[in-house]
Amino acid sequence: MPKTLSIGTSRLPDALDRFEAAWHLTTGRSAPPALQRLVFADLPLLLKTLTPARWQLLARLRSDGPMSVRALAKHLARDYKNVHTDVAQLASLGLIERSGAALVRVPWDAVRAELKL
C-alpha cells in the first residue's frame, strides 16, 4: 500500500479541530489509522525548511533507494557537510528514516501538500 505524507500550513485552531475530530472518531470505535501529517505554522517556514536543494535530496534518495550520506552527497555533487545537515533536519521531521548500516531512506511514496491562504 502506498505511503503518503501530507504536509501543509495550519493555525493552532485548525490543529485543535483535527484533534477533536480524531477524538470523536475513536469514541466507542476502533482507533482510526494513524494520520501521516507534517504541519508548519506558515508558508515561509515551510519553504525555509523544504528548500529546493532538500527537495532534490528527497527525490534522489527516493529514486535511488537507501544509501549513506556520503554516497548521497556524491550523487548530488554537493558538499558532505551540507548534505549531512539537510539529512539531519529532514530526519528530525520524519521525511527521512535512518536504517541499519548508516543508510538513510525516504519512507514515502508521495507527498501531498495543502496550503491555506
PDB file of N, CA and C in Angstrom:
ATOM      1  N   MET A   1       0.842  -1.175   0.000  1.00  0.00           N
ATOM      2  CA  MET A   1       0.000   0.000   0.000  1.00  0.00           C
ATOM      3  C   MET A   1       0.890   1.242   0.000  1.00  0.00           C
ATOM      4  N   PRO A   2       0.656   2.190  -0.880  1.00  0.00           N
ATOM      5  CA  PRO A   2       1.480   3.392  -0.938  1.00  0.00           C
ATOM      6  C   PRO A   2       1.369   4.212   0.341  1.00  0.00           C
ATOM      7  N   LYS A   3       2.501   4.759   0.759  1.00  0.00           N
ATOM      8  CA  LYS A   3       2.524   5.618   1.941  1.00  0.00           C
ATOM      9  C   LYS A   3       2.606   7.062   1.472  1.00  0.00           C
ATOM     10  N   THR A   4       1.645   7.858   1.918  1.00  0.00           N
ATOM     11  CA  THR A   4       1.591   9.265   1.546  1.00  0.00           C
ATOM     12  C   THR A   4       1.715  10.123   2.796  1.00  0.00           C
ATOM     13  N   LEU A   5       2.554  11.136   2.714  1.00  0.00           N
ATOM     14  CA  LEU A   5       2.690  12.109   3.786  1.00  0.00           C
ATOM     15  C   LEU A   5       2.009  13.389   3.338  1.00  0.00           C
ATOM     16  N   SER A   6       1.147  13.929   4.177  1.00  0.00           N
ATOM     17  CA  SER A   6       0.501  15.209   3.898  1.00  0.00           C
ATOM     18  C   SER A   6       1.265  16.291   4.626  1.00  0.00           C
ATOM     19  N   ILE A   7       1.599  17.350   3.908  1.00  0.00           N
ATOM     20  CA  ILE A   7       2.240  18.492   4.534  1.00  0.00           C
ATOM     21  C   ILE A   7       1.399  19.727   4.266  1.00  0.00           C
ATOM     22  N   GLY A   8       1.546  20.702   5.099  1.00  0.00           N
ATOM     23  CA  GLY A   8       0.793  21.918   4.873  1.00  0.00           C
ATOM     24  C   GLY A   8       1.030  22.933   5.959  1.00  0.00           C
ATOM     25  N   THR A   9       0.249  23.972   5.883  1.00  0.00           N
ATOM     26  CA  THR A   9       0.300  25.027   6.887  1.00  0.00           C
ATOM     27  C   THR A   9      -1.009  25.004   7.655  1.00  0.00           C
ATOM     28  N   SER A  10      -0.927  25.383   8.912  1.00  0.00           N
ATOM     29  CA  SER A  10      -2.136  25.341   9.730  1.00  0.00           C
ATOM     30  C   SER A  10      -1.962  26.238  10.936  1.00  0.00           C
ATOM     31  N   ARG A  11      -3.026  26.885  11.291  1.00  0.00           N
ATOM     32  CA  ARG A  11      -3.055  27.672  12.519  1.00  0.00           C
ATOM     33  C   ARG A  11      -3.440  26.754  13.679  1.00  0.00           C
ATOM     34  N   LEU A  12      -3.166  27.144  14.889  1.00  0.00           N
ATOM     35  CA  LEU A  12      -3.474  26.337  16.071  1.00  0.00           C
ATOM     36  C   LEU A  12      -4.941  25.925  16.152  1.00  0.00           C
ATOM     37  N   PRO A  13      -5.918  26.813  15.894  1.00  0.00           N
ATOM     38  CA  PRO A  13      -7.320  26.368  15.961  1.00  0.00           C
ATOM     39  C   PRO A  13      -7.624  25.222  14.982  1.00  0.00           C
ATOM     40  N   ASP A  14      -6.988  25.232  13.807  1.00  0.00           N
ATOM     41  CA  ASP A  14      -7.200  24.135  12.854  1.00  0.00           C
ATOM     42  C   ASP A  14      -6.677  22.823  13.418  1.00  0.00           C
ATOM     43  N   ALA A  15      -5.518  22.876  14.062  1.00  0.00           N
ATOM     44  CA  ALA A  15      -4.944  21.670  14.666  1.00  0.00           C
ATOM     45  C   ALA A  15      -5.846  21.147  15.776  1.00  0.00           C
ATOM     46  N   LEU A  16      -6.392  22.048  16.564  1.00  0.00           N
ATOM     47  CA  LEU A  16      -7.303  21.629  17.635  1.00  0.00           C
ATOM     48  C   LEU A  16      -8.581  21.010  17.069  1.00  0.00           C
ATOM     49  N   ASP A  17      -9.086  21.553  15.958  1.00  0.00           N
ATOM     50  CA  ASP A  17     -10.261  20.968  15.307  1.00  0.00           C
ATOM     51  C   ASP A  17      -9.968  19.555  14.815  1.00  0.00           C
ATOM     52  N   ARG A  18      -8.777  19.337  14.232  1.00  0.00           N
ATOM     53  CA  ARG A  18      -8.403  17.998  13.758  1.00  0.00           C
ATOM     54  C   ARG A  18      -8.302  17.031  14.930  1.00  0.00           C
ATOM     55  N   PHE A  19      -7.733  17.496  16.052  1.00  0.00           N
ATOM     56  CA  PHE A  19      -7.625  16.649  17.232  1.00  0.00           C
ATOM     57  C   PHE A  19      -9.013  16.270  17.742  1.00  0.00           C
ATOM     58  N   GLU A  20      -9.904  17.246  17.812  1.00  0.00           N
ATOM     59  CA  GLU A  20     -11.266  16.984  18.290  1.00  0.00           C
ATOM     60  C   GLU A  20     -11.979  15.977  17.388  1.00  0.00           C
ATOM     61  N   ALA A  21     -11.823  16.124  16.076  1.00  0.00           N
ATOM     62  CA  ALA A  21     -12.452  15.184  15.141  1.00  0.00           C
ATOM     63  C   ALA A  21     -11.894  13.777  15.333  1.00  0.00           C
ATOM     64  N   ALA A  22     -10.585  13.659  15.515  1.00  0.00           N
ATOM     65  CA  ALA A  22      -9.977  12.345  15.732  1.00  0.00           C
ATOM     66  C   ALA A  22     -10.455  11.740  17.041  1.00  0.00           C
ATOM     67  N   TRP A  23     -10.594  12.580  18.056  1.00  0.00           N
ATOM     68  CA  TRP A  23     -11.072  12.107  19.359  1.00  0.00           C
ATOM     69  C   TRP A  23     -12.478  11.529  19.241  1.00  0.00           C
ATOM     70  N   HIS A  24     -13.337  12.221  18.525  1.00  0.00           N
ATOM     71  CA  HIS A  24     -14.708  11.749  18.356  1.00  0.00           C
ATOM     72  C   HIS A  24     -14.757  10.452  17.541  1.00  0.00           C
ATOM     73  N   LEU A  25     -13.851  10.291  16.593  1.00  0.00           N
ATOM     74  CA  LEU A  25     -13.812   9.063  15.805  1.00  0.00           C
ATOM     75  C   LEU A  25     -13.470   7.857  16.664  1.00  0.00           C
ATOM     76  N   THR A  26     -12.627   8.058  17.666  1.00  0.00           N
ATOM     77  CA  THR A  26     -12.197   6.920  18.481  1.00  0.00           C
ATOM     78  C   THR A  26     -13.172   6.579  19.588  1.00  0.00           C
ATOM     79  N   THR A  27     -14.085   7.453  19.894  1.00  0.00           N
ATOM     80  CA  THR A  27     -15.032   7.210  20.970  1.00  0.00           C
ATOM     81  C   THR A  27     -15.963   6.060  20.584  1.00  0.00           C
ATOM     82  N   GLY A  28     -15.823   4.962  21.288  1.00  0.00           N
ATOM     83  CA  GLY A  28     -16.704   3.824  21.049  1.00  0.00           C
ATOM     84  C   GLY A  28     -16.369   3.030  19.792  1.00  0.00           C
ATOM     85  N   ARG A  29     -15.307   3.354  19.120  1.00  0.00           N
ATOM     86  CA  ARG A  29     -14.918   2.619  17.907  1.00  0.00           C
ATOM     87  C   ARG A  29     -13.455   2.206  18.017  1.00  0.00           C
ATOM     88  N   SER A  30     -13.049   1.434  17.031  1.00  0.00           N
ATOM     89  CA  SER A  30     -11.621   1.126  16.973  1.00  0.00           C
ATOM     90  C   SER A  30     -10.881   2.385  16.532  1.00  0.00           C
ATOM     91  N   ALA A  31      -9.627   2.445  16.873  1.00  0.00           N
ATOM     92  CA  ALA A  31      -8.824   3.632  16.564  1.00  0.00           C
ATOM     93  C   ALA A  31      -8.692   3.808  15.046  1.00  0.00           C
ATOM     94  N   PRO A  32      -8.771   5.047  14.573  1.00  0.00           N
ATOM     95  CA  PRO A  32      -8.582   5.291  13.143  1.00  0.00           C
ATOM     96  C   PRO A  32      -7.125   5.072  12.772  1.00  0.00           C
ATOM     97  N   PRO A  33      -6.855   4.857  11.486  1.00  0.00           N
ATOM     98  CA  PRO A  33      -5.461   4.689  11.083  1.00  0.00           C
ATOM     99  C   PRO A  33      -4.668   5.953  11.401  1.00  0.00           C
ATOM    100  N   ALA A  34      -3.384   5.770  11.681  1.00  0.00           N
ATOM    101  CA  ALA A  34      -2.531   6.910  12.014  1.00  0.00           C
ATOM    102  C   ALA A  34      -2.478   7.881  10.839  1.00  0.00           C
ATOM    103  N   LEU A  35      -2.609   9.139  11.159  1.00  0.00           N
ATOM    104  CA  LEU A  35      -2.557  10.176  10.145  1.00  0.00           C
ATOM    105  C   LEU A  35      -1.115  10.622   9.979  1.00  0.00           C
ATOM    106  N   GLN A  36      -0.628  10.534   8.782  1.00  0.00           N
ATOM    107  CA  GLN A  36       0.733  10.946   8.497  1.00  0.00           C
ATOM    108  C   GLN A  36       0.686  12.384   8.001  1.00  0.00           C
ATOM    109  N   ARG A  37       0.988  13.310   8.880  1.00  0.00           N
ATOM    110  CA  ARG A  37       0.835  14.723   8.549  1.00  0.00           C
ATOM    111  C   ARG A  37       1.967  15.526   9.174  1.00  0.00           C
ATOM    112  N   LEU A  38       2.493  16.445   8.423  1.00  0.00           N
ATOM    113  CA  LEU A  38       3.524  17.355   8.880  1.00  0.00           C
ATOM    114  C   LEU A  38       3.003  18.765   8.642  1.00  0.00           C
ATOM    115  N   VAL A  39       2.886  19.540   9.716  1.00  0.00           N
ATOM    116  CA  VAL A  39       2.268  20.860   9.627  1.00  0.00           C
ATOM    117  C   VAL A  39       3.272  21.933  10.024  1.00  0.00           C
ATOM    118  N   PHE A  40       3.307  22.990   9.238  1.00  0.00           N
ATOM    119  CA  PHE A  40       4.149  24.152   9.511  1.00  0.00           C
ATOM    120  C   PHE A  40       3.250  25.322   9.880  1.00  0.00           C
ATOM    121  N   ALA A  41       3.766  26.235  10.674  1.00  0.00           N
ATOM    122  CA  ALA A  41       2.976  27.373  11.141  1.00  0.00           C
ATOM    123  C   ALA A  41       2.551  28.282   9.992  1.00  0.00           C
ATOM    124  N   ASP A  42       3.414  28.411   8.979  1.00  0.00           N
ATOM    125  CA  ASP A  42       3.078  29.275   7.853  1.00  0.00           C
ATOM    126  C   ASP A  42       3.910  28.883   6.635  1.00  0.00           C
ATOM    127  N   LEU A  43       3.566  29.447   5.487  1.00  0.00           N
ATOM    128  CA  LEU A  43       4.242  29.107   4.239  1.00  0.00           C
ATOM    129  C   LEU A  43       5.713  29.493   4.241  1.00  0.00           C
ATOM    130  N   PRO A  44       6.103  30.670   4.745  1.00  0.00           N
ATOM    131  CA  PRO A  44       7.538  30.982   4.771  1.00  0.00           C
ATOM    132  C   PRO A  44       8.367  29.936   5.529  1.00  0.00           C
ATOM    133  N   LEU A  45       7.854  29.411   6.639  1.00  0.00           N
ATOM    134  CA  LEU A  45       8.578  28.384   7.383  1.00  0.00           C
ATOM    135  C   LEU A  45       8.655  27.084   6.581  1.00  0.00           C
ATOM    136  N   LEU A  46       7.570  26.701   5.932  1.00  0.00           N
ATOM    137  CA  LEU A  46       7.579  25.503   5.100  1.00  0.00           C
ATOM    138  C   LEU A  46       8.629  25.629   4.003  1.00  0.00           C
ATOM    139  N   LEU A  47       8.662  26.768   3.317  1.00  0.00           N
ATOM    140  CA  LEU A  47       9.614  26.972   2.223  1.00  0.00           C
ATOM    141  C   LEU A  47      11.055  27.072   2.721  1.00  0.00           C
ATOM    142  N   LYS A  48      11.244  27.596   3.920  1.00  0.00           N
ATOM    143  CA  LYS A  48      12.579  27.664   4.502  1.00  0.00           C
ATOM    144  C   LYS A  48      13.079  26.262   4.862  1.00  0.00           C
ATOM    145  N   THR A  49      12.160  25.403   5.268  1.00  0.00           N
ATOM    146  CA  THR A  49      12.515  24.048   5.680  1.00  0.00           C
ATOM    147  C   THR A  49      12.684  23.114   4.495  1.00  0.00           C
ATOM    148  N   LEU A  50      11.751  23.166   3.553  1.00  0.00           N
ATOM    149  CA  LEU A  50      11.814  22.296   2.364  1.00  0.00           C
ATOM    150  C   LEU A  50      12.345  23.100   1.184  1.00  0.00           C
ATOM    151  N   THR A  51      13.617  23.402   1.243  1.00  0.00           N
ATOM    152  CA  THR A  51      14.272  24.176   0.190  1.00  0.00           C
ATOM    153  C   THR A  51      14.360  23.350  -1.092  1.00  0.00           C
ATOM    154  N   PRO A  52      14.607  23.993  -2.224  1.00  0.00           N
ATOM    155  CA  PRO A  52      14.795  23.221  -3.464  1.00  0.00           C
ATOM    156  C   PRO A  52      15.905  22.170  -3.349  1.00  0.00           C
ATOM    157  N   ALA A  53      17.001  22.496  -2.665  1.00  0.00           N
ATOM    158  CA  ALA A  53      18.088  21.525  -2.507  1.00  0.00           C
ATOM    159  C   ALA A  53      17.634  20.325  -1.669  1.00  0.00           C
ATOM    160  N   ARG A  54      16.860  20.572  -0.628  1.00  0.00           N
ATOM    161  CA  ARG A  54      16.350  19.463   0.194  1.00  0.00           C
ATOM    162  C   ARG A  54      15.319  18.639  -0.565  1.00  0.00           C
ATOM    163  N   TRP A  55      14.503  19.293  -1.365  1.00  0.00           N
ATOM    164  CA  TRP A  55      13.524  18.560  -2.167  1.00  0.00           C
ATOM    165  C   TRP A  55      14.242  17.669  -3.182  1.00  0.00           C
ATOM    166  N   GLN A  56      15.307  18.189  -3.796  1.00  0.00           N
ATOM    167  CA  GLN A  56      16.103  17.403  -4.734  1.00  0.00           C
ATOM    168  C   GLN A  56      16.729  16.207  -4.016  1.00  0.00           C
ATOM    169  N   LEU A  57      17.202  16.428  -2.791  1.00  0.00           N
ATOM    170  CA  LEU A  57      17.773  15.355  -1.993  1.00  0.00           C
ATOM    171  C   LEU A  57      16.735  14.259  -1.747  1.00  0.00           C
ATOM    172  N   LEU A  58      15.525  14.654  -1.352  1.00  0.00           N
ATOM    173  CA  LEU A  58      14.450  13.680  -1.129  1.00  0.00           C
ATOM    174  C   LEU A  58      14.133  12.894  -2.398  1.00  0.00           C
ATOM    175  N   ALA A  59      14.019  13.601  -3.511  1.00  0.00           N
ATOM    176  CA  ALA A  59      13.686  12.944  -4.780  1.00  0.00           C
ATOM    177  C   ALA A  59      14.777  11.963  -5.194  1.00  0.00           C
ATOM    178  N   ARG A  60      16.031  12.355  -5.029  1.00  0.00           N
ATOM    179  CA  ARG A  60      17.142  11.477  -5.413  1.00  0.00           C
ATOM    180  C   ARG A  60      17.183  10.242  -4.530  1.00  0.00           C
ATOM    181  N   LEU A  61      16.994  10.443  -3.241  1.00  0.00           N
ATOM    182  CA  LEU A  61      17.011   9.329  -2.300  1.00  0.00           C
ATOM    183  C   LEU A  61      15.848   8.387  -2.558  1.00  0.00           C
ATOM    184  N   ARG A  62      14.694   8.933  -2.895  1.00  0.00           N
ATOM    185  CA  ARG A  62      13.526   8.101  -3.206  1.00  0.00           C
ATOM    186  C   ARG A  62      13.756   7.288  -4.474  1.00  0.00           C
ATOM    187  N   SER A  63      14.332   7.904  -5.494  1.00  0.00           N
ATOM    188  CA  SER A  63      14.523   7.200  -6.770  1.00  0.00           C
ATOM    189  C   SER A  63      15.661   6.181  -6.710  1.00  0.00           C
ATOM    190  N   ASP A  64      16.729   6.491  -5.978  1.00  0.00           N
ATOM    191  CA  ASP A  64      17.899   5.610  -5.946  1.00  0.00           C
ATOM    192  C   ASP A  64      17.881   4.604  -4.808  1.00  0.00           C
ATOM    193  N   GLY A  65      17.036   4.818  -3.822  1.00  0.00           N
ATOM    194  CA  GLY A  65      16.955   3.895  -2.697  1.00  0.00           C
ATOM    195  C   GLY A  65      17.927   4.243  -1.589  1.00  0.00           C
ATOM    196  N   PRO A  66      17.921   3.447  -0.520  1.00  0.00           N
ATOM    197  CA  PRO A  66      18.760   3.734   0.649  1.00  0.00           C
ATOM    198  C   PRO A  66      20.241   3.831   0.294  1.00  0.00           C
ATOM    199  N   MET A  67      20.914   4.779   0.923  1.00  0.00           N
ATOM    200  CA  MET A  67      22.356   4.937   0.736  1.00  0.00           C
ATOM    201  C   MET A  67      22.928   5.733   1.902  1.00  0.00           C
ATOM    202  N   SER A  68      24.233   5.769   1.977  1.00  0.00           N
ATOM    203  CA  SER A  68      24.889   6.546   3.020  1.00  0.00           C
ATOM    204  C   SER A  68      24.814   8.031   2.677  1.00  0.00           C
ATOM    205  N   VAL A  69      25.012   8.855   3.675  1.00  0.00           N
ATOM    206  CA  VAL A  69      25.005  10.302   3.455  1.00  0.00           C
ATOM    207  C   VAL A  69      26.152  10.678   2.527  1.00  0.00           C
ATOM    208  N   ARG A  70      27.298  10.041   2.673  1.00  0.00           N
ATOM    209  CA  ARG A  70      28.444  10.328   1.801  1.00  0.00           C
ATOM    210  C   ARG A  70      28.119  10.000   0.346  1.00  0.00           C
ATOM    211  N   ALA A  71      27.489   8.851   0.107  1.00  0.00           N
ATOM    212  CA  ALA A  71      27.112   8.483  -1.266  1.00  0.00           C
ATOM    213  C   ALA A  71      26.070   9.446  -1.805  1.00  0.00           C
ATOM    214  N   LEU A  72      25.146   9.851  -0.962  1.00  0.00           N
ATOM    215  CA  LEU A  72      24.118  10.799  -1.386  1.00  0.00           C
ATOM    216  C   LEU A  72      24.755  12.129  -1.787  1.00  0.00           C
ATOM    217  N   ALA A  73      25.698  12.616  -0.989  1.00  0.00           N
ATOM    218  CA  ALA A  73      26.393  13.864  -1.316  1.00  0.00           C
ATOM    219  C   ALA A  73      27.120  13.735  -2.658  1.00  0.00           C
ATOM    220  N   LYS A  74      27.714  12.596  -2.898  1.00  0.00           N
ATOM    221  CA  LYS A  74      28.425  12.376  -4.166  1.00  0.00           C
ATOM    222  C   LYS A  74      27.450  12.372  -5.340  1.00  0.00           C
ATOM    223  N   HIS A  75      26.312  11.679  -5.198  1.00  0.00           N
ATOM    224  CA  HIS A  75      25.305  11.632  -6.267  1.00  0.00           C
ATOM    225  C   HIS A  75      24.741  13.021  -6.568  1.00  0.00           C
ATOM    226  N   LEU A  76      24.619  13.845  -5.539  1.00  0.00           N
ATOM    227  CA  LEU A  76      24.056  15.186  -5.711  1.00  0.00           C
ATOM    228  C   LEU A  76      25.109  16.227  -6.092  1.00  0.00           C
ATOM    229  N   ALA A  77      26.380  15.826  -6.062  1.00  0.00           N
ATOM    230  CA  ALA A  77      27.505  16.732  -6.324  1.00  0.00           C
ATOM    231  C   ALA A  77      27.450  17.936  -5.376  1.00  0.00           C
ATOM    232  N   ARG A  78      27.208  17.625  -4.079  1.00  0.00           N
ATOM    233  CA  ARG A  78      27.123  18.654  -3.043  1.00  0.00           C
ATOM    234  C   ARG A  78      28.122  18.354  -1.938  1.00  0.00           C
ATOM    235  N   ASP A  79      28.454  19.351  -1.157  1.00  0.00           N
ATOM    236  CA  ASP A  79      29.349  19.222  -0.027  1.00  0.00           C
ATOM    237  C   ASP A  79      28.754  18.271   1.013  1.00  0.00           C
ATOM    238  N   TYR A  80      29.578  17.357   1.532  1.00  0.00           N
ATOM    239  CA  TYR A  80      29.118  16.369   2.503  1.00  0.00           C
ATOM    240  C   TYR A  80      28.488  17.035   3.724  1.00  0.00           C
ATOM    241  N   LYS A  81      29.133  18.068   4.260  1.00  0.00           N
ATOM    242  CA  LYS A  81      28.629  18.716   5.469  1.00  0.00           C
ATOM    243  C   LYS A  81      27.225  19.284   5.257  1.00  0.00           C
ATOM    244  N   ASN A  82      26.990  19.913   4.115  1.00  0.00           N
ATOM    245  CA  ASN A  82      25.665  20.477   3.833  1.00  0.00           C
ATOM    246  C   ASN A  82      24.615  19.380   3.678  1.00  0.00           C
ATOM    247  N   VAL A  83      24.975  18.302   3.002  1.00  0.00           N
ATOM    248  CA  VAL A  83      24.040  17.180   2.843  1.00  0.00           C
ATOM    249  C   VAL A  83      23.761  16.548   4.201  1.00  0.00           C
ATOM    250  N   HIS A  84      24.779  16.390   5.025  1.00  0.00           N
ATOM    251  CA  HIS A  84      24.598  15.829   6.363  1.00  0.00           C
ATOM    252  C   HIS A  84      23.634  16.692   7.178  1.00  0.00           C
ATOM    253  N   THR A  85      23.804  18.013   7.114  1.00  0.00           N
ATOM    254  CA  THR A  85      22.911  18.936   7.821  1.00  0.00           C
ATOM    255  C   THR A  85      21.475  18.799   7.316  1.00  0.00           C
ATOM    256  N   ASP A  86      21.312  18.733   5.995  1.00  0.00           N
ATOM    257  CA  ASP A  86      19.971  18.583   5.410  1.00  0.00           C
ATOM    258  C   ASP A  86      19.336  17.256   5.812  1.00  0.00           C
ATOM    259  N   VAL A  87      20.104  16.187   5.784  1.00  0.00           N
ATOM    260  CA  VAL A  87      19.587  14.873   6.174  1.00  0.00           C
ATOM    261  C   VAL A  87      19.157  14.893   7.639  1.00  0.00           C
ATOM    262  N   ALA A  88      19.946  15.497   8.502  1.00  0.00           N
ATOM    263  CA  ALA A  88      19.596  15.567   9.920  1.00  0.00           C
ATOM    264  C   ALA A  88      18.286  16.330  10.113  1.00  0.00           C
ATOM    265  N   GLN A  89      18.130  17.454   9.418  1.00  0.00           N
ATOM    266  CA  GLN A  89      16.896  18.245   9.535  1.00  0.00           C
ATOM    267  C   GLN A  89      15.693  17.461   9.016  1.00  0.00           C
ATOM    268  N   LEU A  90      15.842  16.832   7.851  1.00  0.00           N
ATOM    269  CA  LEU A  90      14.735  16.077   7.258  1.00  0.00           C
ATOM    270  C   LEU A  90      14.390  14.844   8.091  1.00  0.00           C
ATOM    271  N   ALA A  91      15.394  14.232   8.706  1.00  0.00           N
ATOM    272  CA  ALA A  91      15.141  13.081   9.580  1.00  0.00           C
ATOM    273  C   ALA A  91      14.398  13.513  10.844  1.00  0.00           C
ATOM    274  N   SER A  92      14.744  14.679  11.381  1.00  0.00           N
ATOM    275  CA  SER A  92      14.053  15.155  12.583  1.00  0.00           C
ATOM    276  C   SER A  92      12.582  15.442  12.308  1.00  0.00           C
ATOM    277  N   LEU A  93      12.247  15.724  11.058  1.00  0.00           N
ATOM    278  CA  LEU A  93      10.856  15.972  10.671  1.00  0.00           C
ATOM    279  C   LEU A  93      10.120  14.697  10.256  1.00  0.00           C
ATOM    280  N   GLY A  94      10.845  13.594  10.133  1.00  0.00           N
ATOM    281  CA  GLY A  94      10.226  12.342   9.715  1.00  0.00           C
ATOM    282  C   GLY A  94      10.143  12.169   8.214  1.00  0.00           C
ATOM    283  N   LEU A  95      10.809  13.021   7.457  1.00  0.00           N
ATOM    284  CA  LEU A  95      10.800  12.892   5.998  1.00  0.00           C
ATOM    285  C   LEU A  95      11.823  11.878   5.512  1.00  0.00           C
ATOM    286  N   ILE A  96      12.813  11.599   6.332  1.00  0.00           N
ATOM    287  CA  ILE A  96      13.851  10.611   6.039  1.00  0.00           C
ATOM    288  C   ILE A  96      13.979   9.712   7.255  1.00  0.00           C
ATOM    289  N   GLU A  97      14.244   8.430   7.001  1.00  0.00           N
ATOM    290  CA  GLU A  97      14.487   7.477   8.090  1.00  0.00           C
ATOM    291  C   GLU A  97      15.914   6.962   7.991  1.00  0.00           C
ATOM    292  N   ARG A  98      16.500   6.743   9.141  1.00  0.00           N
ATOM    293  CA  ARG A  98      17.820   6.109   9.188  1.00  0.00           C
ATOM    294  C   ARG A  98      17.608   4.611   9.364  1.00  0.00           C
ATOM    295  N   SER A  99      18.355   3.826   8.606  1.00  0.00           N
ATOM    296  CA  SER A  99      18.256   2.374   8.735  1.00  0.00           C
ATOM    297  C   SER A  99      19.623   1.816   9.097  1.00  0.00           C
ATOM    298  N   GLY A 100      19.678   0.522   9.269  1.00  0.00           N
ATOM    299  CA  GLY A 100      20.926  -0.112   9.636  1.00  0.00           C
ATOM    300  C   GLY A 100      22.056   0.216   8.676  1.00  0.00           C
ATOM    301  N   ALA A 101      23.283   0.003   9.147  1.00  0.00           N
ATOM    302  CA  ALA A 101      24.493   0.233   8.356  1.00  0.00           C
ATOM    303  C   ALA A 101      24.624   1.685   7.904  1.00  0.00           C
ATOM    304  N   ALA A 102      24.118   2.619   8.714  1.00  0.00           N
ATOM    305  CA  ALA A 102      24.256   4.061   8.448  1.00  0.00           C
ATOM    306  C   ALA A 102      23.641   4.504   7.131  1.00  0.00           C
ATOM    307  N   LEU A 103      22.575   3.855   6.719  1.00  0.00           N
ATOM    308  CA  LEU A 103      21.894   4.246   5.494  1.00  0.00           C
ATOM    309  C   LEU A 103      20.696   5.126   5.821  1.00  0.00           C
ATOM    310  N   VAL A 104      20.341   5.987   4.883  1.00  0.00           N
ATOM    311  CA  VAL A 104      19.137   6.798   5.007  1.00  0.00           C
ATOM    312  C   VAL A 104      18.223   6.476   3.841  1.00  0.00           C
ATOM    313  N   ARG A 105      16.916   6.662   4.091  1.00  0.00           N
ATOM    314  CA  ARG A 105      15.944   6.373   3.038  1.00  0.00           C
ATOM    315  C   ARG A 105      14.712   7.252   3.212  1.00  0.00           C
ATOM    316  N   VAL A 106      13.940   7.366   2.140  1.00  0.00           N
ATOM    317  CA  VAL A 106      12.673   8.092   2.180  1.00  0.00           C
ATOM    318  C   VAL A 106      11.565   7.047   2.275  1.00  0.00           C
ATOM    319  N   PRO A 107      10.782   7.049   3.360  1.00  0.00           N
ATOM    320  CA  PRO A 107       9.750   6.031   3.523  1.00  0.00           C
ATOM    321  C   PRO A 107       8.447   6.348   2.799  1.00  0.00           C
ATOM    322  N   TRP A 108       8.360   7.472   2.122  1.00  0.00           N
ATOM    323  CA  TRP A 108       7.114   7.920   1.495  1.00  0.00           C
ATOM    324  C   TRP A 108       7.134   7.662   0.000  1.00  0.00           C
ATOM    325  N   ASP A 109       5.995   7.262  -0.528  1.00  0.00           N
ATOM    326  CA  ASP A 109       5.823   7.133  -1.974  1.00  0.00           C
ATOM    327  C   ASP A 109       5.395   8.464  -2.580  1.00  0.00           C
ATOM    328  N   ALA A 110       4.705   9.259  -1.778  1.00  0.00           N
ATOM    329  CA  ALA A 110       4.195  10.545  -2.264  1.00  0.00           C
ATOM    330  C   ALA A 110       4.104  11.528  -1.107  1.00  0.00           C
ATOM    331  N   VAL A 111       4.189  12.803  -1.454  1.00  0.00           N
ATOM    332  CA  VAL A 111       3.978  13.883  -0.503  1.00  0.00           C
ATOM    333  C   VAL A 111       2.879  14.756  -1.077  1.00  0.00           C
ATOM    334  N   ARG A 112       1.823  14.926  -0.313  1.00  0.00           N
ATOM    335  CA  ARG A 112       0.686  15.748  -0.734  1.00  0.00           C
ATOM    336  C   ARG A 112       0.720  17.047   0.071  1.00  0.00           C
ATOM    337  N   ALA A 113       0.617  18.172  -0.618  1.00  0.00           N
ATOM    338  CA  ALA A 113       0.673  19.470   0.064  1.00  0.00           C
ATOM    339  C   ALA A 113      -0.668  20.172   0.019  1.00  0.00           C
ATOM    340  N   GLU A 114      -1.006  20.790   1.148  1.00  0.00           N
ATOM    341  CA  GLU A 114      -2.199  21.616   1.229  1.00  0.00           C
ATOM    342  C   GLU A 114      -1.800  22.936   1.867  1.00  0.00           C
ATOM    343  N   LEU A 115      -1.980  24.006   1.127  1.00  0.00           N
ATOM    344  CA  LEU A 115      -1.566  25.313   1.597  1.00  0.00           C
ATOM    345  C   LEU A 115      -2.800  26.208   1.711  1.00  0.00           C
ATOM    346  N   LYS A 116      -3.054  26.662   2.912  1.00  0.00           N
ATOM    347  CA  LYS A 116      -4.222  27.509   3.136  1.00  0.00           C
ATOM    348  C   LYS A 116      -3.816  28.968   3.084  1.00  0.00           C
ATOM    349  N   LEU A 117      -4.692  29.775   2.533  1.00  0.00           N
ATOM    350  CA  LEU A 117      -4.444  31.223   2.486  1.00  0.00           C
ATOM    351  C   LEU A 117      -4.901  31.886   3.753  1.00  0.00           C
TER     352      LEU A 117
END
